[in-house]
Amino acid sequence: MTITEEEKSIIEEFSIYEDWMDKYAYLIELGNELPDIDDKHKISENLIRGCQSRVWLTADYHDGKIFFEGDSDAIIVKGLVALMLRVLSGHTPQEIIDTDLSFIDEIGLKQHLSPTRSNGLMAMVKQMKLYAVAYRKLAEEGRIS
């Protein structure tokens, strides 16, 4: 599925819920379904700076695509991690760099999240795009394939 197709799917899923309490419950459900990452990855180097809760993010590059893993110690934030992994994991660095992630605004995340959670989400997006820039550079230099 392309990033755009995944975003549309998420928008449709969230449109089912009219009330933001139901949308928060759905975020929590998504977070509960997200597999925990191995404790060896829960290190300070993998923490997202700018998040009030602890969010760990790792990235691996295989066959021209980036695969993310993530986790959080906060239930709603873990749902946000699940959304971002669903949209961006398994895509090329260029696809990740080029996406504007319009679904975040379309489902109302920015306006309904607390300022600290919203800042944390943007910090996560920034880190994922930085991974994409770094892996694209390494691939262009022939240092990874």
C-alpha atoms as a PDB file:
ATOM      1  CA  MET A   1       0.000   0.000   0.000  1.00  0.00           C
ATOM      2  CA  THR A   2       1.306   3.469  -0.795  1.00  0.00           C
ATOM      3  CA  ILE A   3       1.631   6.146   1.872  1.00  0.00           C
ATOM      4  CA  THR A   4      -1.317   8.021   0.372  1.00  0.00           C
ATOM      5  CA  GLU A   5      -3.470   4.879   0.360  1.00  0.00           C
ATOM      6  CA  GLU A   6      -2.572   4.183   3.985  1.00  0.00           C
ATOM      7  CA  GLU A   7      -3.412   7.766   4.942  1.00  0.00           C
ATOM      8  CA  LYS A   8      -6.811   7.486   3.217  1.00  0.00           C
ATOM      9  CA  SER A   9      -7.481   4.252   5.066  1.00  0.00           C
ATOM     10  CA  ILE A  10      -6.718   5.912   8.416  1.00  0.00           C
ATOM     11  CA  ILE A  11      -8.925   8.899   7.555  1.00  0.00           C
ATOM     12  CA  GLU A  12     -11.792   6.497   6.785  1.00  0.00           C
ATOM     13  CA  GLU A  13     -11.236   4.595  10.039  1.00  0.00           C
ATOM     14  CA  PHE A  14     -11.272   7.768  12.119  1.00  0.00           C
ATOM     15  CA  SER A  15     -14.355   9.124  10.297  1.00  0.00           C
ATOM     16  CA  ILE A  16     -16.405   6.323  11.858  1.00  0.00           C
ATOM     17  CA  TYR A  17     -16.058   8.049  15.226  1.00  0.00           C
ATOM     18  CA  GLU A  18     -17.841  11.347  15.802  1.00  0.00           C
ATOM     19  CA  ASP A  19     -16.705  11.934  19.355  1.00  0.00           C
ATOM     20  CA  TRP A  20     -13.058  12.564  20.216  1.00  0.00           C
ATOM     21  CA  MET A  21     -13.287  10.314  23.263  1.00  0.00           C
ATOM     22  CA  ASP A  22     -14.050   7.449  20.862  1.00  0.00           C
ATOM     23  CA  LYS A  23     -11.109   8.493  18.683  1.00  0.00           C
ATOM     24  CA  TYR A  24      -8.831   8.485  21.742  1.00  0.00           C
ATOM     25  CA  ALA A  25     -10.134   5.013  22.598  1.00  0.00           C
ATOM     26  CA  TYR A  26      -9.285   3.910  19.059  1.00  0.00           C
ATOM     27  CA  LEU A  27      -5.769   5.366  19.402  1.00  0.00           C
ATOM     28  CA  ILE A  28      -5.353   3.420  22.634  1.00  0.00           C
ATOM     29  CA  GLU A  29      -6.542   0.262  20.873  1.00  0.00           C
ATOM     30  CA  LEU A  30      -3.966   0.807  18.101  1.00  0.00           C
ATOM     31  CA  GLY A  31      -1.266   1.289  20.720  1.00  0.00           C
ATOM     32  CA  ASN A  32      -2.281  -1.899  22.517  1.00  0.00           C
ATOM     33  CA  GLU A  33      -1.967  -3.815  19.241  1.00  0.00           C
ATOM     34  CA  LEU A  34       1.543  -2.467  18.608  1.00  0.00           C
ATOM     35  CA  PRO A  35       4.153  -5.065  19.520  1.00  0.00           C
ATOM     36  CA  ASP A  36       6.587  -3.971  22.219  1.00  0.00           C
ATOM     37  CA  ILE A  37      10.094  -3.405  20.967  1.00  0.00           C
ATOM     38  CA  ASP A  38      12.910  -5.398  22.474  1.00  0.00           C
ATOM     39  CA  ASP A  39      14.274  -3.863  25.669  1.00  0.00           C
ATOM     40  CA  LYS A  40      17.709  -3.648  24.033  1.00  0.00           C
ATOM     41  CA  HIS A  41      16.255  -0.867  21.836  1.00  0.00           C
ATOM     42  CA  LYS A  42      14.891   1.093  24.792  1.00  0.00           C
ATOM     43  CA  ILE A  43      18.052   3.131  25.154  1.00  0.00           C
ATOM     44  CA  SER A  44      18.630   6.866  25.281  1.00  0.00           C
ATOM     45  CA  GLU A  45      20.005   6.946  21.712  1.00  0.00           C
ATOM     46  CA  ASN A  46      16.591   5.800  20.432  1.00  0.00           C
ATOM     47  CA  LEU A  47      14.519   8.255  22.465  1.00  0.00           C
ATOM     48  CA  ILE A  48      12.682  10.963  20.539  1.00  0.00           C
ATOM     49  CA  ARG A  49      13.640  14.358  21.903  1.00  0.00           C
ATOM     50  CA  GLY A  50      10.700  16.712  22.305  1.00  0.00           C
ATOM     51  CA  CYS A  51       8.259  14.119  23.614  1.00  0.00           C
ATOM     52  CA  GLN A  52       6.965  14.486  27.138  1.00  0.00           C
ATOM     53  CA  SER A  53       6.475  10.723  27.357  1.00  0.00           C
ATOM     54  CA  ARG A  54       9.220   8.357  26.435  1.00  0.00           C
ATOM     55  CA  VAL A  55       9.118   7.293  22.790  1.00  0.00           C
ATOM     56  CA  TRP A  56      11.706   4.974  21.312  1.00  0.00           C
ATOM     57  CA  LEU A  57      12.178   4.718  17.563  1.00  0.00           C
ATOM     58  CA  THR A  58      14.520   2.511  15.552  1.00  0.00           C
ATOM     59  CA  ALA A  59      14.986   2.221  11.811  1.00  0.00           C
ATOM     60  CA  ASP A  60      16.477  -0.478   9.602  1.00  0.00           C
ATOM     61  CA  TYR A  61      17.113  -0.360   5.881  1.00  0.00           C
ATOM     62  CA  HIS A  62      16.440  -3.406   3.701  1.00  0.00           C
ATOM     63  CA  ASP A  63      16.021  -3.686  -0.052  1.00  0.00           C
ATOM     64  CA  GLY A  64      15.741   0.057  -0.528  1.00  0.00           C
ATOM     65  CA  LYS A  65      13.080   0.549   2.142  1.00  0.00           C
ATOM     66  CA  ILE A  66      13.082   1.740   5.735  1.00  0.00           C
ATOM     67  CA  PHE A  67      11.413  -0.324   8.428  1.00  0.00           C
ATOM     68  CA  PHE A  68      10.630   1.414  11.692  1.00  0.00           C
ATOM     69  CA  GLU A  69       9.938   0.006  15.114  1.00  0.00           C
ATOM     70  CA  GLY A  70       8.701   2.090  17.972  1.00  0.00           C
ATOM     71  CA  ASP A  71       7.228   2.069  21.422  1.00  0.00           C
ATOM     72  CA  SER A  72       6.091   4.449  24.142  1.00  0.00           C
ATOM     73  CA  ASP A  73       5.405   4.316  27.847  1.00  0.00           C
ATOM     74  CA  ALA A  74       2.164   6.322  27.395  1.00  0.00           C
ATOM     75  CA  ILE A  75      -0.941   4.650  25.999  1.00  0.00           C
ATOM     76  CA  ILE A  76      -2.233   7.393  23.694  1.00  0.00           C
ATOM     77  CA  VAL A  77       1.268   8.187  22.471  1.00  0.00           C
ATOM     78  CA  LYS A  78       1.828   4.500  21.735  1.00  0.00           C
ATOM     79  CA  GLY A  79      -1.236   4.760  19.473  1.00  0.00           C
ATOM     80  CA  LEU A  80       0.360   7.715  17.698  1.00  0.00           C
ATOM     81  CA  VAL A  81       3.530   5.648  17.260  1.00  0.00           C
ATOM     82  CA  ALA A  82       1.425   2.838  15.769  1.00  0.00           C
ATOM     83  CA  LEU A  83      -0.145   5.265  13.275  1.00  0.00           C
ATOM     84  CA  MET A  84       3.205   6.664  12.170  1.00  0.00           C
ATOM     85  CA  LEU A  85       4.752   3.211  11.782  1.00  0.00           C
ATOM     86  CA  ARG A  86       1.751   2.068   9.774  1.00  0.00           C
ATOM     87  CA  VAL A  87       2.047   5.012   7.379  1.00  0.00           C
ATOM     88  CA  LEU A  88       5.830   5.280   6.938  1.00  0.00           C
ATOM     89  CA  SER A  89       7.384   1.877   7.627  1.00  0.00           C
ATOM     90  CA  GLY A  90       8.206  -0.187   4.551  1.00  0.00           C
ATOM     91  CA  HIS A  91       8.667   2.728   2.176  1.00  0.00           C
ATOM     92  CA  THR A  92      11.657   4.183   0.372  1.00  0.00           C
ATOM     93  CA  PRO A  93      13.555   7.085   1.871  1.00  0.00           C
ATOM     94  CA  GLN A  94      12.352   9.366  -0.937  1.00  0.00           C
ATOM     95  CA  GLU A  95       8.690   8.428  -0.387  1.00  0.00           C
ATOM     96  CA  ILE A  96       9.057   9.239   3.313  1.00  0.00           C
ATOM     97  CA  ILE A  97      10.809  12.538   2.599  1.00  0.00           C
ATOM     98  CA  ASP A  98       8.214  13.589   0.021  1.00  0.00           C
ATOM     99  CA  THR A  99       5.068  12.878   2.040  1.00  0.00           C
ATOM    100  CA  ASP A 100       3.285  15.721   3.791  1.00  0.00           C
ATOM    101  CA  LEU A 101       1.333  13.402   6.127  1.00  0.00           C
ATOM    102  CA  SER A 102      -1.908  15.288   5.520  1.00  0.00           C
ATOM    103  CA  PHE A 103      -3.878  12.669   7.441  1.00  0.00           C
ATOM    104  CA  ILE A 104      -2.609  14.193  10.719  1.00  0.00           C
ATOM    105  CA  ASP A 105      -4.598  17.379  10.066  1.00  0.00           C
ATOM    106  CA  GLU A 106      -7.489  15.647   8.304  1.00  0.00           C
ATOM    107  CA  ILE A 107      -8.344  13.438  11.271  1.00  0.00           C
ATOM    108  CA  GLY A 108      -7.863  16.370  13.656  1.00  0.00           C
ATOM    109  CA  LEU A 109      -4.890  15.090  15.602  1.00  0.00           C
ATOM    110  CA  LYS A 110      -3.091  18.418  15.872  1.00  0.00           C
ATOM    111  CA  GLN A 111      -6.115  20.285  17.175  1.00  0.00           C
ATOM    112  CA  HIS A 112      -7.234  17.570  19.618  1.00  0.00           C
ATOM    113  CA  LEU A 113      -3.903  16.565  21.085  1.00  0.00           C
ATOM    114  CA  SER A 114      -2.441  18.439  24.016  1.00  0.00           C
ATOM    115  CA  PRO A 115       0.366  20.807  22.986  1.00  0.00           C
ATOM    116  CA  THR A 116       2.971  18.461  24.488  1.00  0.00           C
ATOM    117  CA  ARG A 117       1.589  15.428  22.612  1.00  0.00           C
ATOM    118  CA  SER A 118       1.337  17.431  19.396  1.00  0.00           C
ATOM    119  CA  ASN A 119       4.960  18.570  19.788  1.00  0.00           C
ATOM    120  CA  GLY A 120       5.965  14.981  20.465  1.00  0.00           C
ATOM    121  CA  LEU A 121       4.167  13.778  17.330  1.00  0.00           C
ATOM    122  CA  MET A 122       5.958  16.412  15.251  1.00  0.00           C
ATOM    123  CA  ALA A 123       9.284  15.390  16.833  1.00  0.00           C
ATOM    124  CA  MET A 124       8.572  11.781  15.853  1.00  0.00           C
ATOM    125  CA  VAL A 125       7.747  12.803  12.273  1.00  0.00           C
ATOM    126  CA  LYS A 126      10.939  14.863  12.127  1.00  0.00           C
ATOM    127  CA  GLN A 127      13.052  11.941  13.374  1.00  0.00           C
ATOM    128  CA  MET A 128      11.510   9.533  10.864  1.00  0.00           C
ATOM    129  CA  LYS A 129      12.226  11.964   8.031  1.00  0.00           C
ATOM    130  CA  LEU A 130      15.793  12.441   9.307  1.00  0.00           C
ATOM    131  CA  TYR A 131      16.288   8.672   9.154  1.00  0.00           C
ATOM    132  CA  ALA A 132      15.004   8.793   5.567  1.00  0.00           C
ATOM    133  CA  VAL A 133      17.441  11.570   4.621  1.00  0.00           C
ATOM    134  CA  ALA A 134      20.341   9.679   6.218  1.00  0.00           C
ATOM    135  CA  TYR A 135      19.489   6.359   4.538  1.00  0.00           C
ATOM    136  CA  ARG A 136      18.986   8.060   1.164  1.00  0.00           C
ATOM    137  CA  LYS A 137      22.442   9.628   1.470  1.00  0.00           C
ATOM    138  CA  LEU A 138      24.055   6.316   2.443  1.00  0.00           C
ATOM    139  CA  ALA A 139      22.353   4.574  -0.486  1.00  0.00           C
ATOM    140  CA  GLU A 140      23.456   7.282  -2.943  1.00  0.00           C
ATOM    141  CA  GLU A 141      27.020   6.855  -1.720  1.00  0.00           C
ATOM    142  CA  GLY A 142      26.762   3.096  -2.185  1.00  0.00           C
ATOM    143  CA  ARG A 143      27.401   2.450   1.518  1.00  0.00           C
ATOM    144  CA  ILE A 144      24.144   0.474   1.861  1.00  0.00           C
ATOM    145  CA  SER A 145      21.944  -1.370  -0.590  1.00  0.00           C
END
